[in-house]
Amino acid sequence: MFYHRKDQLLFPVSVSNPDPHFAVLLMEQLAGQNGEVAAGLQYVLQGLKCKDPEVKDLLLDIGMEELNHMEMLIQAINLLSEGQVSTETSEEYALQLLGGGGAIWLNSVGTPFCGSYVDTVGDLVADLQSNIAAEFRAKAVYERLHRQATDPKIKEMLEFLISREEAHAAMFRRALEKLMQREEGIRSDFADTQYAQQYYNFSQP
């Protein structure tokens, strides 16, 4: 059961001035391959089918937080686009024409959100490793956005989001370390043969 609280965001979001160009850049972390919609759906899907109670709670809690991040980004995009009709790029035009000056399910280059962005194979060890990588990919994009941002209020929001990506990666890593001590999932099928310990050196001479 999910609830929506109308009285607050996870982190306060405001802008100094409208900036439709930066609004388009933020769309990447909303509906892009490494964005919050993909992460939220990925962790919720993994959590709902997870049989380990502790990991299930972790996945669903982080998944819900990612949807909170989605809400923050939409608020920022709406504020950055408010009252500004810009057709400087096709993406800005789409933001105004299709989104009415607000967020839509497109990334920063106008590609619609795709379900293939949601990465899960149904094995906790494999999925948690994928999740750790997803957090670092998202962090990398947020850091690039931070370097391009000029609005101090937007930079504060991005710093919060960068910190939370780091936190999620650490939480997933701790959960993975616990699972790696067990012999289950793909680890139970892993044959520890001589070939699993060898390194093939194809860099010659």
C-alpha atoms as a PDB file:
ATOM      1  CA  MET A   1       0.000   0.000   0.000  1.00  0.00           C
ATOM      2  CA  PHE A   2       1.399   3.377  -1.035  1.00  0.00           C
ATOM      3  CA  TYR A   3       0.526   6.837   0.232  1.00  0.00           C
ATOM      4  CA  HIS A   4       1.045  10.302  -1.191  1.00  0.00           C
ATOM      5  CA  ARG A   5       1.751  13.093   1.295  1.00  0.00           C
ATOM      6  CA  LYS A   6       0.759  16.432  -0.174  1.00  0.00           C
ATOM      7  CA  ASP A   7       2.335  18.715   2.417  1.00  0.00           C
ATOM      8  CA  GLN A   8       6.062  18.399   1.689  1.00  0.00           C
ATOM      9  CA  LEU A   9       8.848  17.264  -0.611  1.00  0.00           C
ATOM     10  CA  LEU A  10      11.753  15.134   0.554  1.00  0.00           C
ATOM     11  CA  PHE A  11      13.996  18.182   0.037  1.00  0.00           C
ATOM     12  CA  PRO A  12      12.818  21.762  -0.618  1.00  0.00           C
ATOM     13  CA  VAL A  13      12.871  22.696  -4.300  1.00  0.00           C
ATOM     14  CA  SER A  14      12.968  26.263  -5.606  1.00  0.00           C
ATOM     15  CA  VAL A  15      14.640  28.193  -8.409  1.00  0.00           C
ATOM     16  CA  SER A  16      16.082  31.688  -8.651  1.00  0.00           C
ATOM     17  CA  ASN A  17      14.857  32.254 -12.198  1.00  0.00           C
ATOM     18  CA  PRO A  18      13.182  30.259 -14.974  1.00  0.00           C
ATOM     19  CA  ASP A  19      15.648  28.456 -17.233  1.00  0.00           C
ATOM     20  CA  PRO A  20      14.007  26.282 -19.902  1.00  0.00           C
ATOM     21  CA  HIS A  21      17.361  25.086 -21.224  1.00  0.00           C
ATOM     22  CA  PHE A  22      18.401  23.617 -17.869  1.00  0.00           C
ATOM     23  CA  ALA A  23      14.901  22.198 -17.457  1.00  0.00           C
ATOM     24  CA  VAL A  24      15.586  20.095 -20.544  1.00  0.00           C
ATOM     25  CA  LEU A  25      18.908  18.908 -19.092  1.00  0.00           C
ATOM     26  CA  LEU A  26      17.129  17.812 -15.897  1.00  0.00           C
ATOM     27  CA  MET A  27      14.767  15.698 -17.996  1.00  0.00           C
ATOM     28  CA  GLU A  28      17.661  13.250 -18.388  1.00  0.00           C
ATOM     29  CA  GLN A  29      17.527  12.376 -14.704  1.00  0.00           C
ATOM     30  CA  LEU A  30      13.754  12.161 -14.749  1.00  0.00           C
ATOM     31  CA  ALA A  31      12.989   9.903 -17.706  1.00  0.00           C
ATOM     32  CA  GLY A  32      16.433   8.947 -19.014  1.00  0.00           C
ATOM     33  CA  GLN A  33      18.179   5.589 -18.859  1.00  0.00           C
ATOM     34  CA  ASN A  34      19.875   6.436 -15.550  1.00  0.00           C
ATOM     35  CA  GLY A  35      17.021   8.536 -14.187  1.00  0.00           C
ATOM     36  CA  GLU A  36      14.735   8.385 -11.190  1.00  0.00           C
ATOM     37  CA  VAL A  37      11.744   6.795 -12.941  1.00  0.00           C
ATOM     38  CA  ALA A  38      13.891   3.868 -14.085  1.00  0.00           C
ATOM     39  CA  ALA A  39      15.508   3.443 -10.667  1.00  0.00           C
ATOM     40  CA  GLY A  40      12.220   3.688  -8.777  1.00  0.00           C
ATOM     41  CA  LEU A  41      10.493   1.125 -10.977  1.00  0.00           C
ATOM     42  CA  GLN A  42      13.530  -1.171 -10.903  1.00  0.00           C
ATOM     43  CA  TYR A  43      13.806  -1.292  -7.120  1.00  0.00           C
ATOM     44  CA  VAL A  44      10.056  -1.543  -6.546  1.00  0.00           C
ATOM     45  CA  LEU A  45       9.792  -4.427  -9.026  1.00  0.00           C
ATOM     46  CA  GLN A  46      12.714  -6.217  -7.373  1.00  0.00           C
ATOM     47  CA  GLY A  47      11.293  -5.547  -3.912  1.00  0.00           C
ATOM     48  CA  LEU A  48       7.775  -6.766  -4.614  1.00  0.00           C
ATOM     49  CA  LYS A  49       9.050 -10.166  -5.725  1.00  0.00           C
ATOM     50  CA  CYS A  50      11.868 -10.458  -3.161  1.00  0.00           C
ATOM     51  CA  LYS A  51      11.581 -13.329  -0.653  1.00  0.00           C
ATOM     52  CA  ASP A  52      14.226 -12.019   1.764  1.00  0.00           C
ATOM     53  CA  PRO A  53      12.303  -9.768   4.217  1.00  0.00           C
ATOM     54  CA  GLU A  54      15.248  -7.490   5.055  1.00  0.00           C
ATOM     55  CA  VAL A  55      16.313  -6.954   1.453  1.00  0.00           C
ATOM     56  CA  LYS A  56      12.661  -6.570   0.411  1.00  0.00           C
ATOM     57  CA  ASP A  57      12.226  -3.647   2.811  1.00  0.00           C
ATOM     58  CA  LEU A  58      15.487  -2.091   1.629  1.00  0.00           C
ATOM     59  CA  LEU A  59      14.477  -2.308  -2.047  1.00  0.00           C
ATOM     60  CA  LEU A  60      10.999  -0.906  -1.448  1.00  0.00           C
ATOM     61  CA  ASP A  61      12.232   1.890   0.826  1.00  0.00           C
ATOM     62  CA  ILE A  62      14.882   3.007  -1.673  1.00  0.00           C
ATOM     63  CA  GLY A  63      12.409   2.569  -4.524  1.00  0.00           C
ATOM     64  CA  MET A  64       9.968   4.891  -2.745  1.00  0.00           C
ATOM     65  CA  GLU A  65      12.744   7.409  -2.183  1.00  0.00           C
ATOM     66  CA  GLU A  66      13.575   7.354  -5.890  1.00  0.00           C
ATOM     67  CA  LEU A  67       9.944   8.230  -6.624  1.00  0.00           C
ATOM     68  CA  ASN A  68      10.328  11.109  -4.160  1.00  0.00           C
ATOM     69  CA  HIS A  69      13.355  12.219  -6.178  1.00  0.00           C
ATOM     70  CA  MET A  70      11.197  12.009  -9.296  1.00  0.00           C
ATOM     71  CA  GLU A  71       8.703  14.339  -7.605  1.00  0.00           C
ATOM     72  CA  MET A  72      11.505  16.804  -6.781  1.00  0.00           C
ATOM     73  CA  LEU A  73      12.794  16.811 -10.359  1.00  0.00           C
ATOM     74  CA  ILE A  74       9.312  17.360 -11.779  1.00  0.00           C
ATOM     75  CA  GLN A  75       8.839  20.311  -9.436  1.00  0.00           C
ATOM     76  CA  ALA A  76      12.197  21.774 -10.501  1.00  0.00           C
ATOM     77  CA  ILE A  77      11.443  21.251 -14.219  1.00  0.00           C
ATOM     78  CA  ASN A  78       8.031  22.877 -13.827  1.00  0.00           C
ATOM     79  CA  LEU A  79       9.533  25.906 -12.056  1.00  0.00           C
ATOM     80  CA  LEU A  80      12.384  26.247 -14.546  1.00  0.00           C
ATOM     81  CA  SER A  81       9.896  26.115 -17.442  1.00  0.00           C
ATOM     82  CA  GLU A  82       7.272  28.406 -15.909  1.00  0.00           C
ATOM     83  CA  GLY A  83       6.202  31.244 -18.161  1.00  0.00           C
ATOM     84  CA  GLN A  84       9.039  30.592 -20.581  1.00  0.00           C
ATOM     85  CA  VAL A  85       8.208  29.653 -24.153  1.00  0.00           C
ATOM     86  CA  SER A  86      11.472  28.654 -25.777  1.00  0.00           C
ATOM     87  CA  THR A  87      11.917  26.870 -29.082  1.00  0.00           C
ATOM     88  CA  GLU A  88      15.703  27.198 -29.166  1.00  0.00           C
ATOM     89  CA  THR A  89      15.972  23.406 -29.398  1.00  0.00           C
ATOM     90  CA  SER A  90      13.509  20.712 -30.388  1.00  0.00           C
ATOM     91  CA  GLU A  91      13.609  19.398 -26.812  1.00  0.00           C
ATOM     92  CA  GLU A  92      12.628  22.790 -25.382  1.00  0.00           C
ATOM     93  CA  TYR A  93       9.879  22.984 -27.969  1.00  0.00           C
ATOM     94  CA  ALA A  94       8.585  19.551 -26.913  1.00  0.00           C
ATOM     95  CA  LEU A  95       8.690  20.606 -23.266  1.00  0.00           C
ATOM     96  CA  GLN A  96       6.443  23.574 -24.075  1.00  0.00           C
ATOM     97  CA  LEU A  97       4.246  22.018 -26.759  1.00  0.00           C
ATOM     98  CA  LEU A  98       3.744  18.524 -25.320  1.00  0.00           C
ATOM     99  CA  GLY A  99       4.276  19.219 -21.645  1.00  0.00           C
ATOM    100  CA  GLY A 100       2.572  22.593 -21.466  1.00  0.00           C
ATOM    101  CA  GLY A 101       5.684  24.057 -19.877  1.00  0.00           C
ATOM    102  CA  GLY A 102       6.216  21.141 -17.510  1.00  0.00           C
ATOM    103  CA  ALA A 103       7.786  17.713 -17.190  1.00  0.00           C
ATOM    104  CA  ILE A 104       7.026  14.871 -19.591  1.00  0.00           C
ATOM    105  CA  TRP A 105       8.400  11.341 -20.048  1.00  0.00           C
ATOM    106  CA  LEU A 106      11.214  12.343 -22.386  1.00  0.00           C
ATOM    107  CA  ASN A 107      14.936  12.440 -21.741  1.00  0.00           C
ATOM    108  CA  SER A 108      17.188  15.406 -22.509  1.00  0.00           C
ATOM    109  CA  VAL A 109      17.365  14.594 -26.233  1.00  0.00           C
ATOM    110  CA  GLY A 110      13.640  13.950 -26.662  1.00  0.00           C
ATOM    111  CA  THR A 111      13.616  10.131 -26.468  1.00  0.00           C
ATOM    112  CA  PRO A 112      10.569   8.678 -24.662  1.00  0.00           C
ATOM    113  CA  PHE A 113      11.054   6.660 -21.490  1.00  0.00           C
ATOM    114  CA  CYS A 114      11.558   2.961 -22.265  1.00  0.00           C
ATOM    115  CA  GLY A 115      10.773  -0.060 -20.098  1.00  0.00           C
ATOM    116  CA  SER A 116      14.093  -1.623 -21.050  1.00  0.00           C
ATOM    117  CA  TYR A 117      15.748   0.917 -18.730  1.00  0.00           C
ATOM    118  CA  VAL A 118      14.440  -1.204 -15.839  1.00  0.00           C
ATOM    119  CA  ASP A 119      17.151  -3.807 -15.227  1.00  0.00           C
ATOM    120  CA  THR A 120      16.358  -6.929 -13.216  1.00  0.00           C
ATOM    121  CA  VAL A 121      17.135 -10.610 -13.694  1.00  0.00           C
ATOM    122  CA  GLY A 122      15.418 -12.031 -10.603  1.00  0.00           C
ATOM    123  CA  ASP A 123      18.550 -13.025  -8.695  1.00  0.00           C
ATOM    124  CA  LEU A 124      19.362 -10.895  -5.646  1.00  0.00           C
ATOM    125  CA  VAL A 125      23.133 -11.085  -6.018  1.00  0.00           C
ATOM    126  CA  ALA A 126      22.994 -10.050  -9.666  1.00  0.00           C
ATOM    127  CA  ASP A 127      20.288  -7.427  -9.092  1.00  0.00           C
ATOM    128  CA  LEU A 128      22.059  -5.768  -6.166  1.00  0.00           C
ATOM    129  CA  GLN A 129      25.261  -5.489  -8.183  1.00  0.00           C
ATOM    130  CA  SER A 130      23.232  -3.914 -10.998  1.00  0.00           C
ATOM    131  CA  ASN A 131      21.649  -1.526  -8.495  1.00  0.00           C
ATOM    132  CA  ILE A 132      25.039  -0.404  -7.165  1.00  0.00           C
ATOM    133  CA  ALA A 133      26.150   0.340 -10.718  1.00  0.00           C
ATOM    134  CA  ALA A 134      22.863   2.180 -11.395  1.00  0.00           C
ATOM    135  CA  GLU A 135      23.434   4.448  -8.393  1.00  0.00           C
ATOM    136  CA  PHE A 136      26.930   5.359  -9.560  1.00  0.00           C
ATOM    137  CA  ARG A 137      25.729   5.992 -13.125  1.00  0.00           C
ATOM    138  CA  ALA A 138      23.032   8.303 -11.777  1.00  0.00           C
ATOM    139  CA  LYS A 139      25.585  10.030  -9.540  1.00  0.00           C
ATOM    140  CA  ALA A 140      27.863  10.613 -12.540  1.00  0.00           C
ATOM    141  CA  VAL A 141      25.064  12.338 -14.479  1.00  0.00           C
ATOM    142  CA  TYR A 142      24.028  14.414 -11.459  1.00  0.00           C
ATOM    143  CA  GLU A 143      27.627  15.570 -11.029  1.00  0.00           C
ATOM    144  CA  ARG A 144      27.722  16.677 -14.692  1.00  0.00           C
ATOM    145  CA  LEU A 145      24.466  18.565 -14.189  1.00  0.00           C
ATOM    146  CA  HIS A 146      25.903  20.190 -11.060  1.00  0.00           C
ATOM    147  CA  ARG A 147      28.924  21.425 -13.003  1.00  0.00           C
ATOM    148  CA  GLN A 148      26.640  23.055 -15.594  1.00  0.00           C
ATOM    149  CA  ALA A 149      24.137  24.526 -13.128  1.00  0.00           C
ATOM    150  CA  THR A 150      24.287  28.257 -12.428  1.00  0.00           C
ATOM    151  CA  ASP A 151      21.291  28.562 -10.091  1.00  0.00           C
ATOM    152  CA  PRO A 152      22.491  28.117  -6.466  1.00  0.00           C
ATOM    153  CA  LYS A 153      19.105  26.681  -5.433  1.00  0.00           C
ATOM    154  CA  ILE A 154      19.271  24.050  -8.157  1.00  0.00           C
ATOM    155  CA  LYS A 155      22.860  23.261  -7.166  1.00  0.00           C
ATOM    156  CA  GLU A 156      21.696  22.639  -3.583  1.00  0.00           C
ATOM    157  CA  MET A 157      19.046  20.213  -4.806  1.00  0.00           C
ATOM    158  CA  LEU A 158      21.591  18.406  -6.972  1.00  0.00           C
ATOM    159  CA  GLU A 159      24.033  18.143  -4.051  1.00  0.00           C
ATOM    160  CA  PHE A 160      21.300  16.492  -1.991  1.00  0.00           C
ATOM    161  CA  LEU A 161      20.531  14.036  -4.804  1.00  0.00           C
ATOM    162  CA  ILE A 162      24.226  13.228  -5.319  1.00  0.00           C
ATOM    163  CA  SER A 163      24.555  12.474  -1.596  1.00  0.00           C
ATOM    164  CA  ARG A 164      21.520  10.189  -1.666  1.00  0.00           C
ATOM    165  CA  GLU A 165      22.882   8.249  -4.664  1.00  0.00           C
ATOM    166  CA  GLU A 166      26.051   7.630  -2.624  1.00  0.00           C
ATOM    167  CA  ALA A 167      23.940   6.502   0.349  1.00  0.00           C
ATOM    168  CA  HIS A 168      21.911   4.067  -1.755  1.00  0.00           C
ATOM    169  CA  ALA A 169      25.038   2.549  -3.285  1.00  0.00           C
ATOM    170  CA  ALA A 170      26.463   1.991   0.208  1.00  0.00           C
ATOM    171  CA  MET A 171      23.206   0.385   1.425  1.00  0.00           C
ATOM    172  CA  PHE A 172      23.044  -1.934  -1.560  1.00  0.00           C
ATOM    173  CA  ARG A 173      26.708  -2.834  -1.085  1.00  0.00           C
ATOM    174  CA  ARG A 174      26.153  -3.808   2.564  1.00  0.00           C
ATOM    175  CA  ALA A 175      23.156  -5.950   1.580  1.00  0.00           C
ATOM    176  CA  LEU A 176      25.222  -7.618  -1.148  1.00  0.00           C
ATOM    177  CA  GLU A 177      28.055  -8.372   1.275  1.00  0.00           C
ATOM    178  CA  LYS A 178      25.596 -10.176   3.554  1.00  0.00           C
ATOM    179  CA  LEU A 179      24.176 -12.185   0.659  1.00  0.00           C
ATOM    180  CA  MET A 180      27.633 -13.133  -0.599  1.00  0.00           C
ATOM    181  CA  GLN A 181      28.200 -15.011   2.666  1.00  0.00           C
ATOM    182  CA  ARG A 182      25.356 -17.361   1.768  1.00  0.00           C
ATOM    183  CA  GLU A 183      25.386 -20.084  -0.844  1.00  0.00           C
ATOM    184  CA  GLU A 184      22.178 -19.274  -2.710  1.00  0.00           C
ATOM    185  CA  GLY A 185      20.970 -17.855  -6.004  1.00  0.00           C
ATOM    186  CA  ILE A 186      23.637 -17.689  -8.675  1.00  0.00           C
ATOM    187  CA  ARG A 187      26.260 -18.416  -6.019  1.00  0.00           C
ATOM    188  CA  SER A 188      24.721 -21.838  -5.338  1.00  0.00           C
ATOM    189  CA  ASP A 189      25.162 -22.730  -9.006  1.00  0.00           C
ATOM    190  CA  PHE A 190      28.695 -21.407  -9.264  1.00  0.00           C
ATOM    191  CA  ALA A 191      31.250 -24.139  -9.870  1.00  0.00           C
ATOM    192  CA  ASP A 192      34.524 -23.060  -8.234  1.00  0.00           C
ATOM    193  CA  THR A 193      36.739 -24.838 -10.750  1.00  0.00           C
ATOM    194  CA  GLN A 194      40.287 -24.115 -11.834  1.00  0.00           C
ATOM    195  CA  TYR A 195      38.883 -22.072 -14.721  1.00  0.00           C
ATOM    196  CA  ALA A 196      37.111 -19.713 -12.318  1.00  0.00           C
ATOM    197  CA  GLN A 197      40.492 -18.758 -10.836  1.00  0.00           C
ATOM    198  CA  GLN A 198      42.411 -18.218 -14.053  1.00  0.00           C
ATOM    199  CA  TYR A 199      43.259 -14.960 -15.798  1.00  0.00           C
ATOM    200  CA  TYR A 200      43.721 -15.196 -19.557  1.00  0.00           C
ATOM    201  CA  ASN A 201      46.358 -12.738 -20.707  1.00  0.00           C
ATOM    202  CA  PHE A 202      45.533 -11.736 -24.275  1.00  0.00           C
ATOM    203  CA  SER A 203      47.646  -8.558 -24.077  1.00  0.00           C
ATOM    204  CA  GLN A 204      50.776  -9.678 -25.849  1.00  0.00           C
ATOM    205  CA  PRO A 205      53.623  -9.030 -26.137  1.00  0.00           C
END
